Amino acid sequence: MNGPASPKAIIFDIGRVLIHLDISRAMQGLADHADLSPDEIWSRILHHPRWQDWQEGRLSPIDWHRELSAHLGHKLEFEDFRAAWNTCLTPEPILPDAFLAELSRRHTLALLSNTDPFHVAHVEANFSFVRYFPHRVYSCSVGVTKPDPLIYKEALRLCGVSAGQALFIDDVAENVEQARKLGSRGIVFRTPDQLRSDLVLHGITIHP
């Protein structure tokens, strides 16, 4: 009996799938220059009335710096603020380049991430794996965040595939479920070994 047909496109989330996130590092960097704890700063950021605008590209980096300077009372200059913000992206990737290189030889790869302009610039400048992803869909570039169906449809459009020809990989179960509702396959990422095993269920085997 033949196994499952492999997807034409594989679409990856970035944070906690391709790159480790350590939010506490960035919050400590901001707390060092404000009269608030790292936890208080993160809570204020998440509840900031323009957080969604920042994630969806309706607020420029300069305006976001200005907003948080007033909201948190920190005294960081723009470049120092950007550097502190990006420290949550740890430098060692989760998946090795060789793994992604092999996938890219047989499948169209794309990135699909809820992220901001600071992180986009940092990722593209500092992580070699981006070379394997010709299509990159960032929430701050398209004006919508997961799990809104529109951002998934944009990834499918760029890959030139139908929903049924795509596999989505994300660490957030809600985001994977939305992809499935649109007719795609999905994997909830936990570890690299688990991903390898789950890819086999979709007709994809990566050699060690």
N, C-alpha and C. Protein backbone atom coordinates (compact mmCIF):
# COMPACT_ATOMS: atom_id res chain seq x y z
N MET A 1 0.85 -1.20 0.00
CA MET A 1 0.00 0.00 0.00
C MET A 1 0.88 1.24 0.00
N ASN A 2 0.53 2.20 -0.84
CA ASN A 2 1.29 3.43 -0.90
C ASN A 2 1.03 4.28 0.34
N GLY A 3 2.06 5.01 0.75
CA GLY A 3 1.90 5.92 1.88
C GLY A 3 1.25 7.21 1.44
N PRO A 4 1.09 8.15 2.38
CA PRO A 4 0.45 9.43 2.04
C PRO A 4 1.30 10.23 1.06
N ALA A 5 0.63 10.97 0.18
CA ALA A 5 1.35 11.85 -0.73
C ALA A 5 1.94 13.00 0.07
N SER A 6 3.18 13.34 -0.22
CA SER A 6 3.80 14.42 0.52
C SER A 6 3.29 15.77 0.02
N PRO A 7 3.26 16.78 0.88
CA PRO A 7 2.77 18.10 0.47
C PRO A 7 3.74 18.79 -0.48
N LYS A 8 3.20 19.67 -1.31
CA LYS A 8 4.06 20.45 -2.20
C LYS A 8 4.75 21.59 -1.45
N ALA A 9 4.05 22.15 -0.47
CA ALA A 9 4.60 23.28 0.29
C ALA A 9 4.57 22.97 1.77
N ILE A 10 5.62 23.38 2.47
CA ILE A 10 5.69 23.25 3.93
C ILE A 10 5.91 24.65 4.48
N ILE A 11 5.03 25.07 5.36
CA ILE A 11 5.00 26.45 5.85
C ILE A 11 5.28 26.44 7.35
N PHE A 12 6.35 27.10 7.74
CA PHE A 12 6.86 27.08 9.12
C PHE A 12 6.57 28.38 9.86
N ASP A 13 6.16 28.25 11.11
CA ASP A 13 6.25 29.34 12.06
C ASP A 13 7.73 29.55 12.38
N ILE A 14 8.07 30.68 13.00
CA ILE A 14 9.46 30.95 13.35
C ILE A 14 9.72 30.73 14.84
N GLY A 15 9.05 31.52 15.70
CA GLY A 15 9.33 31.46 17.13
C GLY A 15 8.96 30.13 17.74
N ARG A 16 9.93 29.54 18.45
CA ARG A 16 9.79 28.25 19.13
C ARG A 16 9.65 27.07 18.17
N VAL A 17 9.87 27.34 16.89
CA VAL A 17 9.94 26.27 15.88
C VAL A 17 11.30 26.30 15.20
N LEU A 18 11.68 27.48 14.73
CA LEU A 18 12.99 27.65 14.10
C LEU A 18 13.98 28.39 15.00
N ILE A 19 13.46 29.24 15.87
CA ILE A 19 14.30 30.03 16.77
C ILE A 19 13.75 29.94 18.19
N HIS A 20 14.64 29.72 19.14
CA HIS A 20 14.24 29.75 20.55
C HIS A 20 13.88 31.18 20.95
N LEU A 21 12.83 31.33 21.73
CA LEU A 21 12.45 32.64 22.26
C LEU A 21 12.69 32.68 23.77
N ASP A 22 13.34 33.73 24.23
CA ASP A 22 13.54 33.94 25.66
C ASP A 22 13.08 35.36 25.97
N ILE A 23 11.77 35.48 26.17
CA ILE A 23 11.18 36.81 26.40
C ILE A 23 11.79 37.49 27.61
N SER A 24 12.16 36.69 28.62
CA SER A 24 12.70 37.26 29.86
C SER A 24 13.98 38.06 29.62
N ARG A 25 14.78 37.64 28.63
CA ARG A 25 16.02 38.37 28.34
C ARG A 25 15.71 39.79 27.87
N ALA A 26 14.76 39.91 26.96
CA ALA A 26 14.40 41.23 26.46
C ALA A 26 13.76 42.08 27.54
N MET A 27 12.90 41.46 28.35
CA MET A 27 12.23 42.23 29.39
C MET A 27 13.22 42.69 30.46
N GLN A 28 14.23 41.86 30.75
CA GLN A 28 15.25 42.28 31.71
C GLN A 28 16.04 43.45 31.15
N GLY A 29 16.32 43.40 29.85
CA GLY A 29 17.05 44.50 29.22
C GLY A 29 16.30 45.81 29.31
N LEU A 30 14.97 45.74 29.21
CA LEU A 30 14.16 46.95 29.37
C LEU A 30 14.02 47.34 30.84
N ALA A 31 13.88 46.33 31.72
CA ALA A 31 13.72 46.61 33.15
C ALA A 31 14.95 47.28 33.75
N ASP A 32 16.10 47.01 33.17
CA ASP A 32 17.33 47.65 33.66
C ASP A 32 17.30 49.16 33.48
N HIS A 33 16.37 49.64 32.69
CA HIS A 33 16.29 51.08 32.41
C HIS A 33 14.90 51.64 32.73
N ALA A 34 14.17 50.95 33.61
CA ALA A 34 12.84 51.41 34.00
C ALA A 34 12.58 50.98 35.45
N ASP A 35 11.63 51.62 36.07
CA ASP A 35 11.29 51.30 37.47
C ASP A 35 10.18 50.26 37.53
N LEU A 36 10.34 49.20 36.76
CA LEU A 36 9.36 48.12 36.70
C LEU A 36 10.11 46.80 36.63
N SER A 37 9.46 45.72 37.08
CA SER A 37 10.06 44.40 36.97
C SER A 37 9.89 43.88 35.55
N PRO A 38 10.68 42.87 35.15
CA PRO A 38 10.50 42.28 33.82
C PRO A 38 9.08 41.78 33.59
N ASP A 39 8.47 41.15 34.60
CA ASP A 39 7.10 40.66 34.44
C ASP A 39 6.11 41.80 34.26
N GLU A 40 6.30 42.87 34.99
CA GLU A 40 5.41 44.03 34.85
C GLU A 40 5.53 44.65 33.46
N ILE A 41 6.75 44.69 32.95
CA ILE A 41 6.96 45.27 31.62
C ILE A 41 6.28 44.42 30.56
N TRP A 42 6.44 43.10 30.62
CA TRP A 42 5.83 42.23 29.63
C TRP A 42 4.31 42.33 29.69
N SER A 43 3.74 42.40 30.88
CA SER A 43 2.30 42.54 31.01
C SER A 43 1.82 43.85 30.40
N ARG A 44 2.55 44.92 30.65
CA ARG A 44 2.16 46.23 30.08
C ARG A 44 2.26 46.24 28.56
N ILE A 45 3.27 45.56 28.02
CA ILE A 45 3.42 45.49 26.57
C ILE A 45 2.25 44.72 25.96
N LEU A 46 1.94 43.55 26.52
CA LEU A 46 0.85 42.73 25.97
C LEU A 46 -0.49 43.43 26.04
N HIS A 47 -0.67 44.29 27.04
CA HIS A 47 -1.95 44.98 27.21
C HIS A 47 -1.91 46.40 26.66
N HIS A 48 -0.81 46.75 26.00
CA HIS A 48 -0.74 48.09 25.41
C HIS A 48 -1.79 48.19 24.30
N PRO A 49 -2.53 49.30 24.25
CA PRO A 49 -3.61 49.41 23.25
C PRO A 49 -3.13 49.35 21.80
N ARG A 50 -1.82 49.53 21.56
CA ARG A 50 -1.33 49.50 20.19
C ARG A 50 -0.45 48.28 19.91
N TRP A 51 -0.47 47.30 20.80
CA TRP A 51 0.30 46.07 20.59
C TRP A 51 -0.07 45.40 19.27
N GLN A 52 -1.37 45.29 19.01
CA GLN A 52 -1.81 44.65 17.77
C GLN A 52 -1.38 45.46 16.55
N ASP A 53 -1.43 46.78 16.68
CA ASP A 53 -0.96 47.63 15.57
C ASP A 53 0.52 47.39 15.29
N TRP A 54 1.30 47.20 16.33
CA TRP A 54 2.73 46.92 16.17
C TRP A 54 2.94 45.59 15.47
N GLN A 55 2.19 44.57 15.88
CA GLN A 55 2.33 43.25 15.28
C GLN A 55 1.83 43.23 13.83
N GLU A 56 0.90 44.10 13.50
CA GLU A 56 0.30 44.07 12.17
C GLU A 56 0.75 45.23 11.28
N GLY A 57 1.83 45.89 11.68
CA GLY A 57 2.48 46.85 10.80
C GLY A 57 1.83 48.21 10.68
N ARG A 58 0.95 48.56 11.60
CA ARG A 58 0.30 49.87 11.54
C ARG A 58 1.00 50.89 12.44
N LEU A 59 2.13 50.50 12.99
CA LEU A 59 2.91 51.38 13.86
C LEU A 59 4.38 51.22 13.47
N SER A 60 5.05 52.33 13.21
CA SER A 60 6.45 52.25 12.79
C SER A 60 7.35 51.94 13.99
N PRO A 61 8.56 51.44 13.74
CA PRO A 61 9.49 51.20 14.84
C PRO A 61 9.76 52.45 15.68
N ILE A 62 9.89 53.59 15.04
CA ILE A 62 10.14 54.83 15.79
C ILE A 62 8.95 55.15 16.68
N ASP A 63 7.73 54.97 16.17
CA ASP A 63 6.54 55.25 16.97
C ASP A 63 6.39 54.23 18.10
N TRP A 64 6.75 52.97 17.84
CA TRP A 64 6.67 51.95 18.90
C TRP A 64 7.65 52.28 20.02
N HIS A 65 8.84 52.70 19.67
CA HIS A 65 9.82 53.12 20.68
C HIS A 65 9.27 54.29 21.49
N ARG A 66 8.67 55.25 20.81
CA ARG A 66 8.10 56.41 21.50
C ARG A 66 6.96 56.00 22.42
N GLU A 67 6.08 55.13 21.93
CA GLU A 67 4.94 54.66 22.74
C GLU A 67 5.43 53.97 24.02
N LEU A 68 6.40 53.06 23.88
CA LEU A 68 6.86 52.30 25.06
C LEU A 68 7.71 53.15 25.99
N SER A 69 8.41 54.12 25.43
CA SER A 69 9.17 55.02 26.30
C SER A 69 8.23 55.73 27.26
N ALA A 70 7.10 56.18 26.74
CA ALA A 70 6.11 56.85 27.60
C ALA A 70 5.38 55.87 28.50
N HIS A 71 5.07 54.69 27.96
CA HIS A 71 4.26 53.71 28.69
C HIS A 71 5.04 53.04 29.82
N LEU A 72 6.33 52.81 29.59
CA LEU A 72 7.14 52.10 30.58
C LEU A 72 8.04 53.03 31.38
N GLY A 73 8.26 54.22 30.87
CA GLY A 73 9.14 55.16 31.57
C GLY A 73 10.61 54.83 31.42
N HIS A 74 10.99 54.06 30.41
CA HIS A 74 12.41 53.74 30.23
C HIS A 74 13.09 54.89 29.48
N LYS A 75 14.42 54.89 29.57
CA LYS A 75 15.20 55.99 28.99
C LYS A 75 16.11 55.53 27.86
N LEU A 76 15.83 54.38 27.28
CA LEU A 76 16.68 53.84 26.24
C LEU A 76 16.53 54.63 24.94
N GLU A 77 17.67 54.94 24.32
CA GLU A 77 17.64 55.51 22.99
C GLU A 77 17.17 54.45 22.00
N PHE A 78 16.78 54.89 20.80
CA PHE A 78 16.15 53.99 19.83
C PHE A 78 17.00 52.75 19.54
N GLU A 79 18.27 52.92 19.21
CA GLU A 79 19.11 51.77 18.84
C GLU A 79 19.32 50.83 20.01
N ASP A 80 19.45 51.36 21.22
CA ASP A 80 19.60 50.50 22.40
C ASP A 80 18.29 49.76 22.70
N PHE A 81 17.18 50.43 22.48
CA PHE A 81 15.88 49.79 22.66
C PHE A 81 15.72 48.64 21.67
N ARG A 82 16.07 48.86 20.41
CA ARG A 82 15.97 47.80 19.41
C ARG A 82 16.86 46.62 19.78
N ALA A 83 18.07 46.90 20.22
CA ALA A 83 18.98 45.82 20.60
C ALA A 83 18.41 45.01 21.76
N ALA A 84 17.86 45.68 22.76
CA ALA A 84 17.27 44.98 23.90
C ALA A 84 16.07 44.15 23.45
N TRP A 85 15.25 44.71 22.58
CA TRP A 85 14.05 44.01 22.08
C TRP A 85 14.43 42.71 21.39
N ASN A 86 15.53 42.74 20.63
CA ASN A 86 15.91 41.57 19.84
C ASN A 86 16.63 40.49 20.63
N THR A 87 16.99 40.77 21.88
CA THR A 87 17.70 39.75 22.66
C THR A 87 16.83 38.54 22.98
N CYS A 88 15.53 38.63 22.79
CA CYS A 88 14.68 37.46 23.04
C CYS A 88 14.88 36.38 21.97
N LEU A 89 15.48 36.74 20.84
CA LEU A 89 15.76 35.78 19.77
C LEU A 89 17.14 35.19 20.01
N THR A 90 17.19 34.00 20.57
CA THR A 90 18.48 33.41 20.90
C THR A 90 19.20 32.96 19.63
N PRO A 91 20.54 33.05 19.61
CA PRO A 91 21.27 32.89 18.34
C PRO A 91 21.33 31.47 17.79
N GLU A 92 21.18 30.44 18.60
CA GLU A 92 21.30 29.07 18.11
C GLU A 92 19.94 28.59 17.60
N PRO A 93 19.81 28.27 16.30
CA PRO A 93 18.51 27.84 15.77
C PRO A 93 18.10 26.47 16.30
N ILE A 94 16.82 26.18 16.23
CA ILE A 94 16.28 24.91 16.72
C ILE A 94 16.53 23.78 15.73
N LEU A 95 16.29 24.04 14.46
CA LEU A 95 16.45 23.03 13.42
C LEU A 95 17.73 23.32 12.63
N PRO A 96 18.54 22.30 12.36
CA PRO A 96 19.79 22.53 11.63
C PRO A 96 19.56 22.89 10.18
N ASP A 97 20.49 23.64 9.63
CA ASP A 97 20.40 24.05 8.23
C ASP A 97 20.31 22.85 7.30
N ALA A 98 21.04 21.77 7.61
CA ALA A 98 21.04 20.60 6.73
C ALA A 98 19.64 20.00 6.61
N PHE A 99 18.90 20.01 7.70
CA PHE A 99 17.54 19.50 7.72
C PHE A 99 16.66 20.32 6.78
N LEU A 100 16.75 21.65 6.89
CA LEU A 100 15.93 22.53 6.06
C LEU A 100 16.39 22.51 4.61
N ALA A 101 17.69 22.37 4.41
CA ALA A 101 18.21 22.29 3.04
C ALA A 101 17.64 21.08 2.32
N GLU A 102 17.58 19.93 3.01
CA GLU A 102 17.03 18.73 2.37
C GLU A 102 15.54 18.89 2.07
N LEU A 103 14.81 19.48 3.02
CA LEU A 103 13.39 19.74 2.77
C LEU A 103 13.20 20.65 1.56
N SER A 104 14.04 21.67 1.45
CA SER A 104 13.87 22.67 0.39
C SER A 104 14.14 22.09 -1.00
N ARG A 105 14.86 20.99 -1.07
CA ARG A 105 15.14 20.39 -2.38
C ARG A 105 13.92 19.68 -2.96
N ARG A 106 12.96 19.34 -2.08
CA ARG A 106 11.81 18.57 -2.55
C ARG A 106 10.48 19.28 -2.33
N HIS A 107 10.50 20.37 -1.60
CA HIS A 107 9.26 21.07 -1.26
C HIS A 107 9.50 22.58 -1.33
N THR A 108 8.45 23.32 -1.61
CA THR A 108 8.50 24.77 -1.49
C THR A 108 8.35 25.12 -0.01
N LEU A 109 9.28 25.90 0.51
CA LEU A 109 9.23 26.28 1.92
C LEU A 109 8.84 27.75 2.07
N ALA A 110 8.09 28.02 3.13
CA ALA A 110 7.68 29.40 3.43
C ALA A 110 7.70 29.62 4.93
N LEU A 111 7.87 30.87 5.31
CA LEU A 111 7.76 31.29 6.70
C LEU A 111 6.41 31.98 6.89
N LEU A 112 5.80 31.74 8.05
CA LEU A 112 4.53 32.40 8.38
C LEU A 112 4.59 32.74 9.86
N SER A 113 4.75 34.01 10.18
CA SER A 113 5.02 34.39 11.56
C SER A 113 4.28 35.65 11.98
N ASN A 114 3.77 35.63 13.20
CA ASN A 114 3.31 36.85 13.86
C ASN A 114 4.54 37.53 14.44
N THR A 115 4.94 38.63 13.85
CA THR A 115 6.19 39.25 14.29
C THR A 115 6.20 40.72 13.93
N ASP A 116 7.26 41.40 14.35
CA ASP A 116 7.34 42.85 14.19
C ASP A 116 8.56 43.24 13.36
N PRO A 117 8.65 44.50 12.93
CA PRO A 117 9.75 44.91 12.06
C PRO A 117 11.14 44.72 12.66
N PHE A 118 11.29 44.92 13.97
CA PHE A 118 12.59 44.70 14.60
C PHE A 118 13.04 43.25 14.43
N HIS A 119 12.13 42.33 14.72
CA HIS A 119 12.48 40.92 14.65
C HIS A 119 12.70 40.45 13.21
N VAL A 120 11.90 40.97 12.29
CA VAL A 120 12.08 40.60 10.89
C VAL A 120 13.49 40.96 10.42
N ALA A 121 13.89 42.19 10.67
CA ALA A 121 15.21 42.63 10.24
C ALA A 121 16.32 41.82 10.90
N HIS A 122 16.14 41.50 12.17
CA HIS A 122 17.15 40.74 12.90
C HIS A 122 17.26 39.32 12.37
N VAL A 123 16.13 38.68 12.15
CA VAL A 123 16.13 37.30 11.65
C VAL A 123 16.79 37.24 10.27
N GLU A 124 16.39 38.13 9.39
CA GLU A 124 16.91 38.07 8.03
C GLU A 124 18.40 38.40 7.95
N ALA A 125 18.90 39.16 8.92
CA ALA A 125 20.32 39.52 8.92
C ALA A 125 21.20 38.51 9.64
N ASN A 126 20.62 37.71 10.53
CA ASN A 126 21.46 36.90 11.42
C ASN A 126 21.25 35.39 11.36
N PHE A 127 20.24 34.91 10.64
CA PHE A 127 19.98 33.48 10.61
C PHE A 127 20.08 32.96 9.18
N SER A 128 21.02 32.04 8.98
CA SER A 128 21.28 31.54 7.63
C SER A 128 20.14 30.71 7.06
N PHE A 129 19.26 30.19 7.93
CA PHE A 129 18.19 29.33 7.41
C PHE A 129 17.21 30.06 6.49
N VAL A 130 17.18 31.39 6.55
CA VAL A 130 16.21 32.11 5.72
C VAL A 130 16.44 31.85 4.23
N ARG A 131 17.65 31.44 3.87
CA ARG A 131 17.95 31.19 2.45
C ARG A 131 17.09 30.06 1.88
N TYR A 132 16.58 29.19 2.73
CA TYR A 132 15.79 28.05 2.27
C TYR A 132 14.30 28.39 2.13
N PHE A 133 13.94 29.62 2.48
CA PHE A 133 12.54 30.04 2.48
C PHE A 133 12.34 31.18 1.48
N PRO A 134 12.03 30.85 0.24
CA PRO A 134 11.83 31.91 -0.75
C PRO A 134 10.60 32.76 -0.49
N HIS A 135 9.66 32.22 0.28
CA HIS A 135 8.43 32.95 0.58
C HIS A 135 8.36 33.20 2.08
N ARG A 136 8.15 34.47 2.45
CA ARG A 136 8.16 34.85 3.87
C ARG A 136 6.96 35.77 4.14
N VAL A 137 6.09 35.30 4.98
CA VAL A 137 4.87 36.05 5.30
C VAL A 137 4.94 36.49 6.76
N TYR A 138 5.11 37.78 6.96
CA TYR A 138 5.22 38.36 8.30
C TYR A 138 3.96 39.18 8.58
N SER A 139 3.43 39.03 9.77
CA SER A 139 2.19 39.74 10.10
C SER A 139 2.35 41.25 9.94
N CYS A 140 3.53 41.77 10.29
CA CYS A 140 3.72 43.22 10.21
C CYS A 140 3.82 43.71 8.77
N SER A 141 4.00 42.78 7.83
CA SER A 141 4.05 43.16 6.42
C SER A 141 2.71 43.03 5.73
N VAL A 142 1.87 42.10 6.19
CA VAL A 142 0.59 41.85 5.51
C VAL A 142 -0.60 42.42 6.27
N GLY A 143 -0.39 42.93 7.50
CA GLY A 143 -1.45 43.61 8.23
C GLY A 143 -2.46 42.73 8.91
N VAL A 144 -2.08 41.47 9.18
CA VAL A 144 -2.99 40.55 9.85
C VAL A 144 -2.16 39.49 10.55
N THR A 145 -2.67 38.96 11.67
CA THR A 145 -1.95 37.96 12.45
C THR A 145 -2.69 36.63 12.47
N LYS A 146 -1.93 35.55 12.67
CA LYS A 146 -2.54 34.25 12.92
C LYS A 146 -3.35 34.34 14.21
N PRO A 147 -4.49 33.68 14.28
CA PRO A 147 -5.03 32.68 13.35
C PRO A 147 -6.04 33.22 12.32
N ASP A 148 -5.95 34.47 11.95
CA ASP A 148 -6.84 34.99 10.92
C ASP A 148 -6.60 34.23 9.61
N PRO A 149 -7.65 33.73 8.96
CA PRO A 149 -7.47 32.95 7.72
C PRO A 149 -6.72 33.71 6.62
N LEU A 150 -6.81 35.04 6.61
CA LEU A 150 -6.20 35.80 5.52
C LEU A 150 -4.69 35.61 5.45
N ILE A 151 -4.03 35.47 6.60
CA ILE A 151 -2.57 35.35 6.57
C ILE A 151 -2.15 33.98 6.04
N TYR A 152 -2.96 32.95 6.31
CA TYR A 152 -2.68 31.62 5.76
C TYR A 152 -2.88 31.64 4.25
N LYS A 153 -3.93 32.29 3.82
CA LYS A 153 -4.22 32.34 2.39
C LYS A 153 -3.13 33.08 1.63
N GLU A 154 -2.52 34.07 2.27
CA GLU A 154 -1.42 34.78 1.62
C GLU A 154 -0.22 33.85 1.46
N ALA A 155 0.05 33.03 2.46
CA ALA A 155 1.16 32.07 2.35
C ALA A 155 0.89 31.07 1.24
N LEU A 156 -0.33 30.58 1.14
CA LEU A 156 -0.68 29.64 0.09
C LEU A 156 -0.54 30.29 -1.28
N ARG A 157 -0.97 31.55 -1.38
CA ARG A 157 -0.88 32.25 -2.67
C ARG A 157 0.58 32.38 -3.12
N LEU A 158 1.44 32.77 -2.20
CA LEU A 158 2.84 32.93 -2.55
C LEU A 158 3.49 31.61 -2.95
N CYS A 159 3.09 30.54 -2.30
CA CYS A 159 3.64 29.22 -2.61
C CYS A 159 3.04 28.64 -3.89
N GLY A 160 1.94 29.21 -4.34
CA GLY A 160 1.30 28.72 -5.55
C GLY A 160 0.64 27.35 -5.38
N VAL A 161 0.08 27.11 -4.20
CA VAL A 161 -0.54 25.82 -3.92
C VAL A 161 -1.93 26.03 -3.35
N SER A 162 -2.73 24.98 -3.42
CA SER A 162 -4.03 24.98 -2.75
C SER A 162 -3.82 24.58 -1.29
N ALA A 163 -4.84 24.80 -0.47
CA ALA A 163 -4.73 24.44 0.94
C ALA A 163 -4.40 22.97 1.12
N GLY A 164 -4.99 22.12 0.31
CA GLY A 164 -4.77 20.69 0.43
C GLY A 164 -3.37 20.24 0.06
N GLN A 165 -2.60 21.11 -0.56
CA GLN A 165 -1.23 20.78 -0.97
C GLN A 165 -0.19 21.30 0.02
N ALA A 166 -0.65 21.85 1.15
CA ALA A 166 0.27 22.49 2.09
C ALA A 166 0.25 21.81 3.46
N LEU A 167 1.38 21.91 4.14
CA LEU A 167 1.54 21.44 5.51
C LEU A 167 2.03 22.61 6.34
N PHE A 168 1.32 22.93 7.42
CA PHE A 168 1.69 24.01 8.32
C PHE A 168 2.31 23.43 9.59
N ILE A 169 3.39 24.07 10.05
CA ILE A 169 4.07 23.66 11.27
C ILE A 169 4.15 24.86 12.20
N ASP A 170 3.59 24.71 13.40
CA ASP A 170 3.51 25.82 14.35
C ASP A 170 3.52 25.21 15.75
N ASP A 171 4.04 25.96 16.72
CA ASP A 171 4.04 25.46 18.10
C ASP A 171 2.73 25.75 18.81
N VAL A 172 1.86 26.55 18.24
CA VAL A 172 0.58 26.92 18.86
C VAL A 172 -0.54 26.10 18.23
N ALA A 173 -1.19 25.28 19.04
CA ALA A 173 -2.21 24.37 18.53
C ALA A 173 -3.34 25.12 17.83
N GLU A 174 -3.73 26.28 18.34
CA GLU A 174 -4.81 27.07 17.73
C GLU A 174 -4.46 27.46 16.30
N ASN A 175 -3.20 27.79 16.08
CA ASN A 175 -2.78 28.19 14.73
C ASN A 175 -2.79 27.01 13.77
N VAL A 176 -2.39 25.86 14.25
CA VAL A 176 -2.42 24.65 13.42
C VAL A 176 -3.86 24.26 13.12
N GLU A 177 -4.73 24.39 14.09
CA GLU A 177 -6.14 24.04 13.89
C GLU A 177 -6.77 24.93 12.83
N GLN A 178 -6.41 26.20 12.80
CA GLN A 178 -6.95 27.08 11.77
C GLN A 178 -6.50 26.63 10.38
N ALA A 179 -5.24 26.22 10.26
CA ALA A 179 -4.75 25.72 8.97
C ALA A 179 -5.56 24.50 8.54
N ARG A 180 -5.85 23.64 9.48
CA ARG A 180 -6.64 22.44 9.17
C ARG A 180 -8.05 22.81 8.75
N LYS A 181 -8.62 23.82 9.37
CA LYS A 181 -9.97 24.25 9.00
C LYS A 181 -10.01 24.75 7.56
N LEU A 182 -8.88 25.28 7.10
CA LEU A 182 -8.80 25.77 5.73
C LEU A 182 -8.53 24.65 4.73
N GLY A 183 -8.31 23.44 5.24
CA GLY A 183 -8.09 22.30 4.36
C GLY A 183 -6.67 21.82 4.24
N SER A 184 -5.76 22.41 5.00
CA SER A 184 -4.36 22.01 4.98
C SER A 184 -4.08 20.95 6.05
N ARG A 185 -2.94 20.34 5.92
CA ARG A 185 -2.45 19.48 6.99
C ARG A 185 -1.68 20.33 8.00
N GLY A 186 -1.49 19.80 9.19
CA GLY A 186 -0.79 20.59 10.20
C GLY A 186 -0.07 19.72 11.21
N ILE A 187 1.01 20.26 11.75
CA ILE A 187 1.78 19.61 12.81
C ILE A 187 2.00 20.64 13.92
N VAL A 188 1.69 20.25 15.15
CA VAL A 188 2.03 21.08 16.31
C VAL A 188 3.45 20.72 16.73
N PHE A 189 4.36 21.68 16.61
CA PHE A 189 5.77 21.42 16.88
C PHE A 189 6.05 21.39 18.38
N ARG A 190 6.79 20.37 18.80
CA ARG A 190 7.26 20.29 20.18
C ARG A 190 8.78 20.14 20.25
N THR A 191 9.33 19.18 19.50
CA THR A 191 10.77 18.97 19.48
C THR A 191 11.19 18.59 18.06
N PRO A 192 12.48 18.74 17.73
CA PRO A 192 12.95 18.31 16.41
C PRO A 192 12.71 16.82 16.15
N ASP A 193 12.92 15.98 17.15
CA ASP A 193 12.70 14.55 16.95
C ASP A 193 11.23 14.24 16.69
N GLN A 194 10.36 14.90 17.42
CA GLN A 194 8.92 14.71 17.21
C GLN A 194 8.52 15.17 15.81
N LEU A 195 9.14 16.27 15.35
CA LEU A 195 8.82 16.78 14.01
C LEU A 195 9.22 15.75 12.95
N ARG A 196 10.41 15.18 13.08
CA ARG A 196 10.85 14.17 12.12
C ARG A 196 9.86 13.02 12.06
N SER A 197 9.42 12.57 13.23
CA SER A 197 8.48 11.45 13.27
C SER A 197 7.15 11.82 12.64
N ASP A 198 6.67 13.02 12.91
CA ASP A 198 5.39 13.44 12.37
C ASP A 198 5.47 13.69 10.87
N LEU A 199 6.61 14.13 10.38
CA LEU A 199 6.75 14.34 8.94
C LEU A 199 6.60 13.03 8.18
N VAL A 200 7.07 11.94 8.77
CA VAL A 200 6.93 10.63 8.12
C VAL A 200 5.46 10.30 7.88
N LEU A 201 4.59 10.71 8.79
CA LEU A 201 3.15 10.47 8.63
C LEU A 201 2.58 11.23 7.44
N HIS A 202 3.31 12.24 6.99
CA HIS A 202 2.88 13.02 5.82
C HIS A 202 3.71 12.70 4.58
N GLY A 203 4.38 11.56 4.61
CA GLY A 203 5.13 11.12 3.44
C GLY A 203 6.48 11.77 3.25
N ILE A 204 7.04 12.32 4.34
CA ILE A 204 8.31 13.05 4.25
C ILE A 204 9.33 12.40 5.19
N THR A 205 10.42 11.94 4.63
CA THR A 205 11.50 11.36 5.42
C THR A 205 12.77 12.16 5.19
N ILE A 206 13.37 12.61 6.29
CA ILE A 206 14.62 13.35 6.22
C ILE A 206 15.72 12.47 6.77
N HIS A 207 16.76 12.27 6.00
CA HIS A 207 17.85 11.43 6.44
C HIS A 207 18.67 12.12 7.52
N PRO A 208 19.14 11.38 8.49
CA PRO A 208 19.94 12.00 9.59
C PRO A 208 21.17 12.72 9.05
